[in-house]
């Protein structure tokens, strides 16, 4: 069970890094999924394909991870799946409850709806009888060992993204944009994640 716990948190950790990926690097890949109407209200779309590119790159740094994907569904539902050498494939069904990002504060809150070890219905059943919080009480929180501040309450996890935000706004997108940018929320449709920002596009007349 401890190994499965670590697999669950590996997935969450990869998602954390993906969520804080540098916007300017992603921006060059986004033009085909934007709508002018959304951009005029400060909403920017990120495709599932783009997120999976970052997901795969981050996972590739761990030789034991054979495959890692993210699937986006409507109503803020996401599915995280990874295959670990000698262990199997773990799948987490999650709901994004909150996402906030600015130069001073950054938070990702998720609820883990379902935990599965594919091909092992018995293990999956046991995993879902115990909350993530209960398991971390028994075995510890692997995110803490990775120096990521997080709080687990039942199957809800709050992850402090502030260290990533601090680095991003000083060395990534730049201080000027960083001082202004606020991501107040995220919403999803099938295969698309929308960032709700304060940076609306104004058309010249």
N, C-alpha and C. Protein backbone atom coordinates (compact mmCIF):
# COMPACT_ATOMS: atom_id res chain seq x y z
N UNK A 1 0.83 -1.21 0.00
CA UNK A 1 0.00 0.00 0.00
C UNK A 1 0.87 1.27 0.00
N UNK A 2 2.02 1.21 0.68
CA UNK A 2 2.90 2.37 0.70
C UNK A 2 3.39 2.70 -0.70
N UNK A 3 3.72 1.65 -1.48
CA UNK A 3 4.18 1.88 -2.85
C UNK A 3 3.08 2.54 -3.68
N UNK A 4 1.84 2.10 -3.49
CA UNK A 4 0.72 2.69 -4.22
C UNK A 4 0.54 4.15 -3.83
N UNK A 5 0.71 4.46 -2.53
CA UNK A 5 0.64 5.84 -2.07
C UNK A 5 1.64 6.69 -2.82
N UNK A 6 2.87 6.21 -2.93
CA UNK A 6 3.89 6.98 -3.61
C UNK A 6 3.55 7.17 -5.08
N UNK A 7 2.95 6.17 -5.71
CA UNK A 7 2.55 6.31 -7.10
C UNK A 7 1.48 7.39 -7.24
N UNK A 8 0.53 7.40 -6.31
CA UNK A 8 -0.50 8.44 -6.33
C UNK A 8 0.13 9.83 -6.27
N UNK A 9 1.10 9.99 -5.38
CA UNK A 9 1.70 11.30 -5.21
C UNK A 9 2.66 11.64 -6.34
N UNK A 10 3.24 10.64 -7.00
CA UNK A 10 4.04 10.91 -8.20
C UNK A 10 3.16 11.58 -9.25
N UNK A 11 1.94 11.05 -9.42
CA UNK A 11 1.02 11.64 -10.37
C UNK A 11 0.67 13.07 -9.99
N UNK A 12 0.37 13.29 -8.72
CA UNK A 12 0.01 14.63 -8.26
C UNK A 12 1.19 15.58 -8.42
N UNK A 13 2.40 15.07 -8.12
CA UNK A 13 3.61 15.89 -8.26
C UNK A 13 3.83 16.31 -9.71
N UNK A 14 3.64 15.37 -10.65
CA UNK A 14 3.80 15.69 -12.06
C UNK A 14 2.78 16.74 -12.48
N UNK A 15 1.54 16.58 -12.00
CA UNK A 15 0.51 17.56 -12.31
C UNK A 15 0.88 18.93 -11.75
N UNK A 16 1.45 18.96 -10.54
CA UNK A 16 1.87 20.22 -9.93
C UNK A 16 2.87 20.95 -10.81
N UNK A 17 3.87 20.22 -11.31
CA UNK A 17 4.87 20.84 -12.17
C UNK A 17 4.27 21.28 -13.49
N UNK A 18 3.34 20.48 -14.01
CA UNK A 18 2.68 20.83 -15.27
C UNK A 18 1.83 22.08 -15.09
N UNK A 19 1.12 22.17 -13.97
CA UNK A 19 0.25 23.32 -13.72
C UNK A 19 1.04 24.61 -13.61
N UNK A 20 2.31 24.52 -13.21
CA UNK A 20 3.12 25.72 -13.05
C UNK A 20 4.11 25.90 -14.19
N UNK A 21 3.89 25.19 -15.30
CA UNK A 21 4.77 25.32 -16.46
C UNK A 21 4.74 26.74 -16.99
N UNK A 22 5.85 27.16 -17.56
CA UNK A 22 6.01 28.55 -17.97
C UNK A 22 5.03 28.93 -19.07
N UNK A 23 4.16 29.94 -18.86
CA UNK A 23 3.16 30.30 -19.84
C UNK A 23 3.72 30.67 -21.20
N UNK A 24 4.88 31.34 -21.27
CA UNK A 24 5.40 31.74 -22.57
C UNK A 24 5.84 30.54 -23.39
N UNK A 25 6.31 29.50 -22.76
CA UNK A 25 6.67 28.30 -23.50
C UNK A 25 5.43 27.63 -24.07
N UNK A 26 4.33 27.66 -23.30
CA UNK A 26 3.10 27.06 -23.77
C UNK A 26 2.43 27.93 -24.83
N UNK A 27 2.60 29.24 -24.70
CA UNK A 27 1.83 30.16 -25.53
C UNK A 27 2.03 29.92 -27.02
N UNK A 28 3.25 29.55 -27.42
CA UNK A 28 3.51 29.34 -28.84
C UNK A 28 2.73 28.17 -29.41
N UNK A 29 2.20 27.30 -28.53
CA UNK A 29 1.48 26.12 -28.98
C UNK A 29 -0.03 26.26 -28.85
N UNK A 30 -0.51 27.45 -28.47
CA UNK A 30 -1.91 27.59 -28.11
C UNK A 30 -2.80 28.22 -29.17
N UNK A 31 -2.21 28.80 -30.20
CA UNK A 31 -2.99 29.65 -31.08
C UNK A 31 -4.17 28.93 -31.73
N UNK A 32 -4.05 27.63 -31.96
CA UNK A 32 -5.11 26.91 -32.66
C UNK A 32 -6.28 26.55 -31.76
N UNK A 33 -6.21 26.81 -30.47
CA UNK A 33 -7.33 26.46 -29.58
C UNK A 33 -7.96 27.68 -28.93
N UNK A 34 -7.52 28.89 -29.32
CA UNK A 34 -8.09 30.09 -28.74
C UNK A 34 -9.32 30.55 -29.53
N UNK A 35 -10.22 31.19 -28.83
CA UNK A 35 -11.31 31.88 -29.51
C UNK A 35 -11.23 33.35 -29.15
N UNK A 36 -11.54 34.21 -30.11
CA UNK A 36 -11.45 35.64 -29.87
C UNK A 36 -12.39 36.06 -28.75
N UNK A 37 -13.56 35.47 -28.70
CA UNK A 37 -14.53 35.81 -27.65
C UNK A 37 -13.97 35.53 -26.26
N UNK A 38 -13.32 34.37 -26.11
CA UNK A 38 -12.72 34.04 -24.81
C UNK A 38 -11.58 34.99 -24.47
N UNK A 39 -10.72 35.25 -25.44
CA UNK A 39 -9.56 36.11 -25.18
C UNK A 39 -9.98 37.52 -24.79
N UNK A 40 -11.13 37.99 -25.31
CA UNK A 40 -11.61 39.32 -24.95
C UNK A 40 -12.09 39.38 -23.50
N UNK A 41 -12.33 38.23 -22.90
CA UNK A 41 -12.73 38.18 -21.49
C UNK A 41 -11.62 37.61 -20.60
N UNK A 42 -10.43 37.46 -21.17
CA UNK A 42 -9.29 37.01 -20.37
C UNK A 42 -9.23 35.51 -20.16
N UNK A 43 -9.91 34.74 -21.00
CA UNK A 43 -9.91 33.28 -20.86
C UNK A 43 -9.03 32.68 -21.96
N UNK A 44 -8.08 31.84 -21.55
CA UNK A 44 -7.14 31.25 -22.49
C UNK A 44 -7.19 29.73 -22.38
N UNK A 45 -7.22 29.07 -23.51
CA UNK A 45 -7.38 27.62 -23.55
C UNK A 45 -6.02 26.93 -23.67
N UNK A 46 -5.89 25.80 -22.96
CA UNK A 46 -4.73 24.93 -23.10
C UNK A 46 -5.25 23.55 -23.47
N UNK A 47 -4.76 23.01 -24.55
CA UNK A 47 -5.27 21.72 -25.01
C UNK A 47 -4.68 20.57 -24.20
N UNK A 48 -5.41 19.49 -24.18
CA UNK A 48 -4.92 18.26 -23.54
C UNK A 48 -3.60 17.82 -24.15
N UNK A 49 -3.46 18.00 -25.45
CA UNK A 49 -2.23 17.60 -26.14
C UNK A 49 -1.02 18.36 -25.63
N UNK A 50 -1.18 19.67 -25.44
CA UNK A 50 -0.07 20.50 -24.94
C UNK A 50 0.31 20.09 -23.52
N UNK A 51 -0.70 19.89 -22.66
CA UNK A 51 -0.41 19.47 -21.29
C UNK A 51 0.28 18.12 -21.25
N UNK A 52 -0.11 17.22 -22.13
CA UNK A 52 0.53 15.90 -22.15
C UNK A 52 1.97 15.97 -22.61
N UNK A 53 2.30 16.95 -23.43
CA UNK A 53 3.70 17.15 -23.83
C UNK A 53 4.55 17.48 -22.61
N UNK A 54 4.07 18.40 -21.76
CA UNK A 54 4.77 18.75 -20.53
C UNK A 54 4.75 17.60 -19.54
N UNK A 55 3.61 16.93 -19.44
CA UNK A 55 3.46 15.78 -18.55
C UNK A 55 4.51 14.73 -18.88
N UNK A 56 4.66 14.42 -20.17
CA UNK A 56 5.61 13.40 -20.62
C UNK A 56 7.05 13.83 -20.37
N UNK A 57 7.35 15.11 -20.62
CA UNK A 57 8.72 15.59 -20.43
C UNK A 57 9.15 15.50 -18.97
N UNK A 58 8.23 15.87 -18.08
CA UNK A 58 8.54 15.81 -16.65
C UNK A 58 8.69 14.37 -16.20
N UNK A 59 7.79 13.51 -16.65
CA UNK A 59 7.84 12.10 -16.26
C UNK A 59 9.09 11.42 -16.79
N UNK A 60 9.59 11.88 -17.93
CA UNK A 60 10.77 11.26 -18.54
C UNK A 60 12.01 11.39 -17.68
N UNK A 61 12.01 12.33 -16.74
CA UNK A 61 13.16 12.50 -15.84
C UNK A 61 13.26 11.39 -14.81
N UNK A 62 12.20 10.59 -14.67
CA UNK A 62 12.22 9.44 -13.75
C UNK A 62 12.23 8.17 -14.58
N UNK A 63 13.36 7.43 -14.61
CA UNK A 63 13.47 6.25 -15.48
C UNK A 63 12.50 5.13 -15.13
N UNK A 64 11.93 5.15 -13.93
CA UNK A 64 10.99 4.10 -13.55
C UNK A 64 9.59 4.34 -14.12
N UNK A 65 9.32 5.59 -14.55
CA UNK A 65 8.02 5.90 -15.13
C UNK A 65 8.04 5.56 -16.62
N UNK A 66 7.20 4.63 -17.01
CA UNK A 66 7.17 4.18 -18.40
C UNK A 66 6.18 4.96 -19.24
N UNK A 67 5.16 5.50 -18.61
CA UNK A 67 4.16 6.26 -19.36
C UNK A 67 3.38 7.13 -18.38
N UNK A 68 3.00 8.33 -18.81
CA UNK A 68 2.22 9.22 -17.96
C UNK A 68 1.35 10.10 -18.85
N UNK A 69 0.06 10.14 -18.57
CA UNK A 69 -0.86 10.94 -19.38
C UNK A 69 -1.88 11.65 -18.50
N UNK A 70 -2.44 12.72 -19.04
CA UNK A 70 -3.54 13.43 -18.42
C UNK A 70 -4.69 13.51 -19.41
N UNK A 71 -5.88 13.19 -18.96
CA UNK A 71 -7.08 13.27 -19.80
C UNK A 71 -8.02 14.30 -19.17
N UNK A 72 -8.48 15.24 -19.97
CA UNK A 72 -9.33 16.32 -19.47
C UNK A 72 -10.77 16.09 -19.89
N UNK A 73 -11.68 16.19 -18.93
CA UNK A 73 -13.11 16.07 -19.19
C UNK A 73 -13.82 17.32 -18.70
N UNK A 74 -15.07 17.47 -19.08
CA UNK A 74 -15.84 18.64 -18.64
C UNK A 74 -16.09 18.59 -17.14
N UNK A 75 -16.56 19.70 -16.60
CA UNK A 75 -16.88 19.84 -15.18
C UNK A 75 -15.65 19.71 -14.28
N UNK A 76 -14.49 20.18 -14.78
CA UNK A 76 -13.23 20.19 -14.01
C UNK A 76 -12.75 18.80 -13.62
N UNK A 77 -13.12 17.79 -14.39
CA UNK A 77 -12.67 16.43 -14.15
C UNK A 77 -11.41 16.15 -14.96
N UNK A 78 -10.42 15.57 -14.30
CA UNK A 78 -9.21 15.13 -15.00
C UNK A 78 -8.86 13.72 -14.55
N UNK A 79 -8.23 12.97 -15.45
CA UNK A 79 -7.78 11.63 -15.13
C UNK A 79 -6.27 11.58 -15.33
N UNK A 80 -5.55 11.22 -14.28
CA UNK A 80 -4.09 11.09 -14.32
C UNK A 80 -3.75 9.61 -14.34
N UNK A 81 -2.94 9.21 -15.31
CA UNK A 81 -2.59 7.80 -15.45
C UNK A 81 -1.08 7.67 -15.63
N UNK A 82 -0.47 6.75 -14.89
CA UNK A 82 0.95 6.50 -15.07
C UNK A 82 1.26 5.03 -14.88
N UNK A 83 2.25 4.57 -15.63
CA UNK A 83 2.72 3.19 -15.53
C UNK A 83 4.12 3.20 -14.93
N UNK A 84 4.30 2.46 -13.85
CA UNK A 84 5.58 2.40 -13.14
C UNK A 84 6.17 1.01 -13.29
N UNK A 85 7.47 0.99 -13.57
CA UNK A 85 8.18 -0.28 -13.74
C UNK A 85 8.02 -1.18 -12.51
N UNK A 86 7.66 -2.43 -12.73
CA UNK A 86 7.53 -3.48 -11.73
C UNK A 86 6.35 -3.28 -10.77
N UNK A 87 5.53 -2.25 -11.02
CA UNK A 87 4.39 -2.01 -10.14
C UNK A 87 3.07 -2.08 -10.87
N UNK A 88 2.96 -1.39 -11.98
CA UNK A 88 1.73 -1.40 -12.74
C UNK A 88 1.26 0.00 -13.07
N UNK A 89 0.01 0.10 -13.48
CA UNK A 89 -0.56 1.37 -13.92
C UNK A 89 -1.56 1.88 -12.89
N UNK A 90 -1.30 3.09 -12.41
CA UNK A 90 -2.19 3.73 -11.44
C UNK A 90 -2.98 4.82 -12.16
N UNK A 91 -4.27 4.89 -11.86
CA UNK A 91 -5.12 5.92 -12.45
C UNK A 91 -5.88 6.65 -11.35
N UNK A 92 -5.78 7.98 -11.36
CA UNK A 92 -6.50 8.83 -10.41
C UNK A 92 -7.53 9.64 -11.17
N UNK A 93 -8.77 9.57 -10.72
CA UNK A 93 -9.82 10.44 -11.24
C UNK A 93 -9.98 11.59 -10.26
N UNK A 94 -9.81 12.82 -10.73
CA UNK A 94 -9.76 13.98 -9.85
C UNK A 94 -10.72 15.07 -10.31
N UNK A 95 -11.08 15.93 -9.37
CA UNK A 95 -11.83 17.14 -9.67
C UNK A 95 -11.01 18.34 -9.20
N UNK A 96 -10.76 19.28 -10.10
CA UNK A 96 -10.06 20.51 -9.72
C UNK A 96 -11.06 21.40 -9.01
N UNK A 97 -10.82 21.66 -7.73
CA UNK A 97 -11.72 22.47 -6.93
C UNK A 97 -11.34 23.96 -6.96
N UNK A 98 -10.06 24.21 -7.03
CA UNK A 98 -9.61 25.61 -6.99
C UNK A 98 -8.24 25.72 -7.61
N UNK A 99 -8.02 26.79 -8.34
CA UNK A 99 -6.69 27.09 -8.86
C UNK A 99 -6.53 28.60 -8.86
N UNK A 100 -5.49 29.08 -8.18
CA UNK A 100 -5.24 30.51 -8.11
C UNK A 100 -3.74 30.74 -8.27
N UNK A 101 -3.40 31.79 -9.04
CA UNK A 101 -2.00 31.99 -9.35
C UNK A 101 -1.72 33.47 -9.54
N UNK A 102 -0.88 34.07 -8.69
CA UNK A 102 -0.36 35.41 -8.95
C UNK A 102 1.06 35.48 -8.39
N UNK A 103 1.64 36.67 -8.37
CA UNK A 103 3.05 36.77 -7.98
C UNK A 103 3.27 36.52 -6.50
N UNK A 104 2.21 36.58 -5.71
CA UNK A 104 2.35 36.41 -4.26
C UNK A 104 1.76 35.12 -3.73
N UNK A 105 0.74 34.60 -4.39
CA UNK A 105 0.05 33.41 -3.90
C UNK A 105 -0.28 32.48 -5.06
N UNK A 106 -0.22 31.19 -4.77
CA UNK A 106 -0.55 30.21 -5.80
C UNK A 106 -1.01 28.92 -5.11
N UNK A 107 -2.16 28.42 -5.55
CA UNK A 107 -2.76 27.27 -4.88
C UNK A 107 -3.46 26.37 -5.89
N UNK A 108 -3.27 25.08 -5.73
CA UNK A 108 -4.02 24.07 -6.48
C UNK A 108 -4.74 23.18 -5.48
N UNK A 109 -6.07 23.11 -5.57
CA UNK A 109 -6.85 22.24 -4.70
C UNK A 109 -7.57 21.21 -5.56
N UNK A 110 -7.37 19.93 -5.22
CA UNK A 110 -8.00 18.86 -5.96
C UNK A 110 -8.68 17.87 -5.03
N UNK A 111 -9.75 17.28 -5.52
CA UNK A 111 -10.38 16.17 -4.80
C UNK A 111 -10.11 14.90 -5.60
N UNK A 112 -9.59 13.88 -4.92
CA UNK A 112 -9.34 12.59 -5.57
C UNK A 112 -10.62 11.78 -5.50
N UNK A 113 -11.29 11.65 -6.63
CA UNK A 113 -12.59 10.96 -6.67
C UNK A 113 -12.44 9.44 -6.66
N UNK A 114 -11.38 8.95 -7.32
CA UNK A 114 -11.23 7.50 -7.46
C UNK A 114 -9.77 7.16 -7.64
N UNK A 115 -9.32 6.11 -6.99
CA UNK A 115 -7.94 5.63 -7.09
C UNK A 115 -7.97 4.20 -7.59
N UNK A 116 -7.19 3.90 -8.64
CA UNK A 116 -7.22 2.56 -9.23
C UNK A 116 -5.82 2.06 -9.53
N UNK A 117 -5.59 0.79 -9.28
CA UNK A 117 -4.44 0.08 -9.82
C UNK A 117 -5.00 -0.83 -10.90
N UNK A 118 -4.79 -0.45 -12.14
CA UNK A 118 -5.43 -1.16 -13.25
C UNK A 118 -4.98 -2.61 -13.29
N UNK A 119 -5.95 -3.50 -13.50
CA UNK A 119 -5.66 -4.92 -13.54
C UNK A 119 -5.71 -5.60 -12.20
N UNK A 120 -5.96 -4.82 -11.14
CA UNK A 120 -6.05 -5.39 -9.79
C UNK A 120 -7.28 -4.80 -9.10
N UNK A 121 -8.43 -5.43 -9.28
CA UNK A 121 -9.67 -4.91 -8.72
C UNK A 121 -9.65 -4.95 -7.19
N UNK A 122 -8.98 -5.95 -6.61
CA UNK A 122 -8.94 -6.06 -5.15
C UNK A 122 -8.15 -4.89 -4.55
N UNK A 123 -6.96 -4.63 -5.11
CA UNK A 123 -6.15 -3.50 -4.63
C UNK A 123 -6.89 -2.19 -4.82
N UNK A 124 -7.54 -2.03 -5.97
CA UNK A 124 -8.29 -0.81 -6.23
C UNK A 124 -9.40 -0.63 -5.21
N UNK A 125 -10.07 -1.72 -4.87
CA UNK A 125 -11.15 -1.64 -3.89
C UNK A 125 -10.61 -1.18 -2.54
N UNK A 126 -9.49 -1.76 -2.09
CA UNK A 126 -8.89 -1.35 -0.82
C UNK A 126 -8.45 0.10 -0.86
N UNK A 127 -7.88 0.54 -1.99
CA UNK A 127 -7.43 1.92 -2.12
C UNK A 127 -8.58 2.90 -1.93
N UNK A 128 -9.75 2.53 -2.43
CA UNK A 128 -10.89 3.44 -2.36
C UNK A 128 -11.65 3.36 -1.04
N UNK A 129 -11.32 2.37 -0.21
CA UNK A 129 -11.92 2.31 1.12
C UNK A 129 -11.19 3.22 2.09
N UNK A 130 -9.97 3.61 1.75
CA UNK A 130 -9.16 4.47 2.61
C UNK A 130 -8.91 5.80 1.93
N UNK A 131 -9.11 6.89 2.64
CA UNK A 131 -8.85 8.20 2.06
C UNK A 131 -7.36 8.41 1.91
N UNK A 132 -7.02 9.35 1.04
CA UNK A 132 -5.61 9.70 0.85
C UNK A 132 -5.03 10.26 2.15
N UNK A 133 -5.86 10.99 2.89
CA UNK A 133 -5.39 11.54 4.17
C UNK A 133 -5.05 10.46 5.17
N UNK A 134 -5.89 9.42 5.23
CA UNK A 134 -5.63 8.31 6.16
C UNK A 134 -4.33 7.59 5.79
N UNK A 135 -4.13 7.39 4.48
CA UNK A 135 -2.92 6.69 4.04
C UNK A 135 -1.68 7.52 4.35
N UNK A 136 -1.77 8.86 4.15
CA UNK A 136 -0.60 9.70 4.46
C UNK A 136 -0.34 9.75 5.97
N UNK A 137 -1.38 9.63 6.77
CA UNK A 137 -1.18 9.55 8.22
C UNK A 137 -0.37 8.31 8.59
N UNK A 138 -0.59 7.23 7.84
CA UNK A 138 0.14 5.98 8.11
C UNK A 138 1.56 6.01 7.59
N UNK A 139 1.74 6.54 6.37
CA UNK A 139 3.03 6.39 5.70
C UNK A 139 3.77 7.70 5.46
N UNK A 140 3.13 8.83 5.77
CA UNK A 140 3.77 10.11 5.49
C UNK A 140 3.36 10.66 4.14
N UNK A 141 3.71 11.91 3.92
CA UNK A 141 3.35 12.62 2.68
C UNK A 141 4.58 12.75 1.79
N UNK A 142 4.61 12.04 0.66
CA UNK A 142 5.78 12.11 -0.22
C UNK A 142 6.04 13.51 -0.77
N UNK A 143 5.00 14.34 -0.92
CA UNK A 143 5.22 15.69 -1.41
C UNK A 143 6.07 16.50 -0.43
N UNK A 144 5.90 16.25 0.86
CA UNK A 144 6.71 16.94 1.86
C UNK A 144 8.18 16.57 1.69
N UNK A 145 8.43 15.31 1.34
CA UNK A 145 9.81 14.88 1.12
C UNK A 145 10.41 15.54 -0.11
N UNK A 146 9.53 16.01 -1.03
CA UNK A 146 10.00 16.73 -2.21
C UNK A 146 9.98 18.25 -1.98
N UNK A 147 9.83 18.65 -0.70
CA UNK A 147 9.83 20.07 -0.31
C UNK A 147 8.69 20.86 -0.96
N UNK A 148 7.54 20.19 -1.13
CA UNK A 148 6.34 20.85 -1.64
C UNK A 148 5.33 20.91 -0.51
N UNK A 149 4.93 22.11 -0.16
CA UNK A 149 3.95 22.27 0.91
C UNK A 149 2.57 21.82 0.43
N UNK A 150 1.96 20.94 1.20
CA UNK A 150 0.63 20.47 0.83
C UNK A 150 -0.11 20.06 2.10
N UNK A 151 -1.43 20.05 1.96
CA UNK A 151 -2.29 19.64 3.06
C UNK A 151 -3.31 18.66 2.53
N UNK A 152 -3.39 17.50 3.19
CA UNK A 152 -4.33 16.47 2.76
C UNK A 152 -5.42 16.34 3.81
N UNK A 153 -6.66 16.48 3.37
CA UNK A 153 -7.80 16.34 4.26
C UNK A 153 -8.79 15.39 3.59
N UNK A 154 -8.84 14.16 4.09
CA UNK A 154 -9.66 13.15 3.42
C UNK A 154 -9.08 12.87 2.05
N UNK A 155 -9.88 13.04 1.02
CA UNK A 155 -9.39 12.87 -0.35
C UNK A 155 -9.20 14.20 -1.07
N UNK A 156 -9.13 15.28 -0.29
CA UNK A 156 -8.86 16.60 -0.87
C UNK A 156 -7.43 17.00 -0.53
N UNK A 157 -6.72 17.50 -1.54
CA UNK A 157 -5.33 17.90 -1.33
C UNK A 157 -5.15 19.34 -1.81
N UNK A 158 -4.55 20.15 -0.93
CA UNK A 158 -4.18 21.53 -1.26
C UNK A 158 -2.68 21.58 -1.47
N UNK A 159 -2.25 22.12 -2.61
CA UNK A 159 -0.83 22.19 -2.92
C UNK A 159 -0.44 23.65 -3.08
N UNK A 160 0.57 24.06 -2.34
CA UNK A 160 1.08 25.43 -2.39
C UNK A 160 2.03 25.56 -3.57
N UNK A 161 1.62 26.33 -4.59
CA UNK A 161 2.45 26.52 -5.78
C UNK A 161 3.31 27.78 -5.70
N UNK A 162 3.30 28.44 -4.54
CA UNK A 162 4.00 29.72 -4.43
C UNK A 162 5.48 29.64 -4.81
N UNK A 163 6.23 28.60 -4.39
CA UNK A 163 7.65 28.55 -4.81
C UNK A 163 7.81 28.52 -6.32
N UNK A 164 6.89 27.84 -7.03
CA UNK A 164 6.95 27.81 -8.48
C UNK A 164 6.61 29.18 -9.05
N UNK A 165 5.62 29.85 -8.45
CA UNK A 165 5.22 31.17 -8.91
C UNK A 165 6.34 32.17 -8.74
N UNK A 166 7.03 32.10 -7.60
CA UNK A 166 8.13 33.04 -7.34
C UNK A 166 9.21 32.92 -8.39
N UNK A 167 9.57 31.69 -8.73
CA UNK A 167 10.59 31.46 -9.75
C UNK A 167 10.10 31.90 -11.12
N UNK A 168 8.86 31.58 -11.41
CA UNK A 168 8.29 31.91 -12.72
C UNK A 168 8.27 33.40 -12.97
N UNK A 169 7.86 34.18 -11.97
CA UNK A 169 7.68 35.60 -12.18
C UNK A 169 8.99 36.38 -12.13
N UNK A 170 10.05 35.79 -11.62
CA UNK A 170 11.32 36.50 -11.59
C UNK A 170 12.24 36.10 -12.74
N UNK A 171 12.17 34.84 -13.17
CA UNK A 171 13.08 34.37 -14.22
C UNK A 171 12.36 33.85 -15.44
N UNK A 172 11.04 33.72 -15.37
CA UNK A 172 10.30 33.14 -16.49
C UNK A 172 9.62 34.19 -17.35
N UNK A 173 8.36 34.49 -17.04
CA UNK A 173 7.60 35.38 -17.91
C UNK A 173 7.97 36.85 -17.73
N UNK A 174 8.75 37.13 -16.71
CA UNK A 174 9.22 38.50 -16.54
C UNK A 174 8.46 39.25 -15.46
N UNK A 175 9.17 40.20 -14.84
CA UNK A 175 8.61 40.91 -13.70
C UNK A 175 7.40 41.76 -14.09
N UNK A 176 7.44 42.41 -15.25
CA UNK A 176 6.36 43.31 -15.65
C UNK A 176 5.05 42.56 -15.81
N UNK A 177 5.08 41.49 -16.60
CA UNK A 177 3.88 40.69 -16.79
C UNK A 177 3.52 39.99 -15.49
N UNK A 178 4.52 39.51 -14.77
CA UNK A 178 4.28 38.79 -13.53
C UNK A 178 3.57 39.62 -12.48
N UNK A 179 3.88 40.92 -12.44
CA UNK A 179 3.23 41.79 -11.47
C UNK A 179 1.75 41.98 -11.78
N UNK A 180 1.37 41.75 -13.03
CA UNK A 180 0.00 42.02 -13.44
C UNK A 180 -0.87 40.76 -13.53
N UNK A 181 -0.25 39.63 -13.87
CA UNK A 181 -1.02 38.44 -14.19
C UNK A 181 -1.69 37.83 -12.95
N UNK A 182 -2.98 37.55 -13.07
CA UNK A 182 -3.72 36.79 -12.07
C UNK A 182 -4.52 35.71 -12.79
N UNK A 183 -4.33 34.48 -12.38
CA UNK A 183 -5.19 33.39 -12.84
C UNK A 183 -6.13 33.07 -11.68
N UNK A 184 -7.39 33.39 -11.84
CA UNK A 184 -8.33 33.30 -10.72
C UNK A 184 -9.07 31.98 -10.67
N UNK A 185 -9.04 31.22 -11.77
CA UNK A 185 -9.83 30.00 -11.80
C UNK A 185 -9.44 29.18 -13.01
N UNK A 186 -9.79 27.91 -13.00
CA UNK A 186 -9.71 27.08 -14.20
C UNK A 186 -11.04 26.36 -14.37
N UNK A 187 -11.43 26.17 -15.62
CA UNK A 187 -12.59 25.35 -15.95
C UNK A 187 -12.19 24.43 -17.09
N UNK A 188 -12.99 23.40 -17.34
CA UNK A 188 -12.62 22.44 -18.37
C UNK A 188 -13.82 22.07 -19.24
N UNK A 189 -13.50 21.69 -20.46
CA UNK A 189 -14.38 20.96 -21.36
C UNK A 189 -13.58 19.74 -21.80
N UNK A 190 -14.18 18.85 -22.54
CA UNK A 190 -13.45 17.68 -23.01
C UNK A 190 -12.22 18.11 -23.80
N UNK A 191 -11.06 17.67 -23.34
CA UNK A 191 -9.76 17.87 -23.97
C UNK A 191 -9.23 19.31 -23.92
N UNK A 192 -9.92 20.21 -23.18
CA UNK A 192 -9.49 21.60 -23.09
C UNK A 192 -9.56 22.08 -21.64
N UNK A 193 -8.50 22.77 -21.21
CA UNK A 193 -8.49 23.43 -19.91
C UNK A 193 -8.43 24.93 -20.15
N UNK A 194 -9.30 25.68 -19.45
CA UNK A 194 -9.38 27.13 -19.62
C UNK A 194 -8.82 27.85 -18.40
N UNK A 195 -7.88 28.77 -18.65
CA UNK A 195 -7.36 29.64 -17.60
C UNK A 195 -8.14 30.94 -17.61
N UNK A 196 -8.71 31.30 -16.47
CA UNK A 196 -9.46 32.55 -16.33
C UNK A 196 -8.52 33.60 -15.74
N UNK A 197 -8.13 34.57 -16.54
CA UNK A 197 -7.12 35.54 -16.14
C UNK A 197 -7.69 36.96 -16.16
N UNK A 198 -6.88 37.87 -15.70
CA UNK A 198 -7.25 39.29 -15.75
C UNK A 198 -6.67 39.99 -16.97
N UNK A 199 -6.09 39.25 -17.90
CA UNK A 199 -5.45 39.82 -19.07
C UNK A 199 -6.32 39.62 -20.31
N UNK A 200 -7.28 40.49 -20.47
CA UNK A 200 -8.18 40.40 -21.62
C UNK A 200 -7.53 41.08 -22.83
N UNK A 201 -7.85 40.54 -24.01
CA UNK A 201 -7.36 41.12 -25.27
C UNK A 201 -8.31 42.24 -25.70
N UNK A 202 -7.76 43.42 -25.94
CA UNK A 202 -8.57 44.55 -26.40
C UNK A 202 -8.33 44.76 -27.89
N UNK A 203 -9.43 44.80 -28.64
CA UNK A 203 -9.32 44.98 -30.07
C UNK A 203 -9.19 46.47 -30.42
N UNK A 204 -8.33 46.78 -31.38
CA UNK A 204 -8.18 48.15 -31.83
C UNK A 204 -9.33 48.50 -32.77
N UNK A 205 -9.87 49.66 -32.62
CA UNK A 205 -10.97 50.11 -33.49
C UNK A 205 -10.49 51.21 -34.42
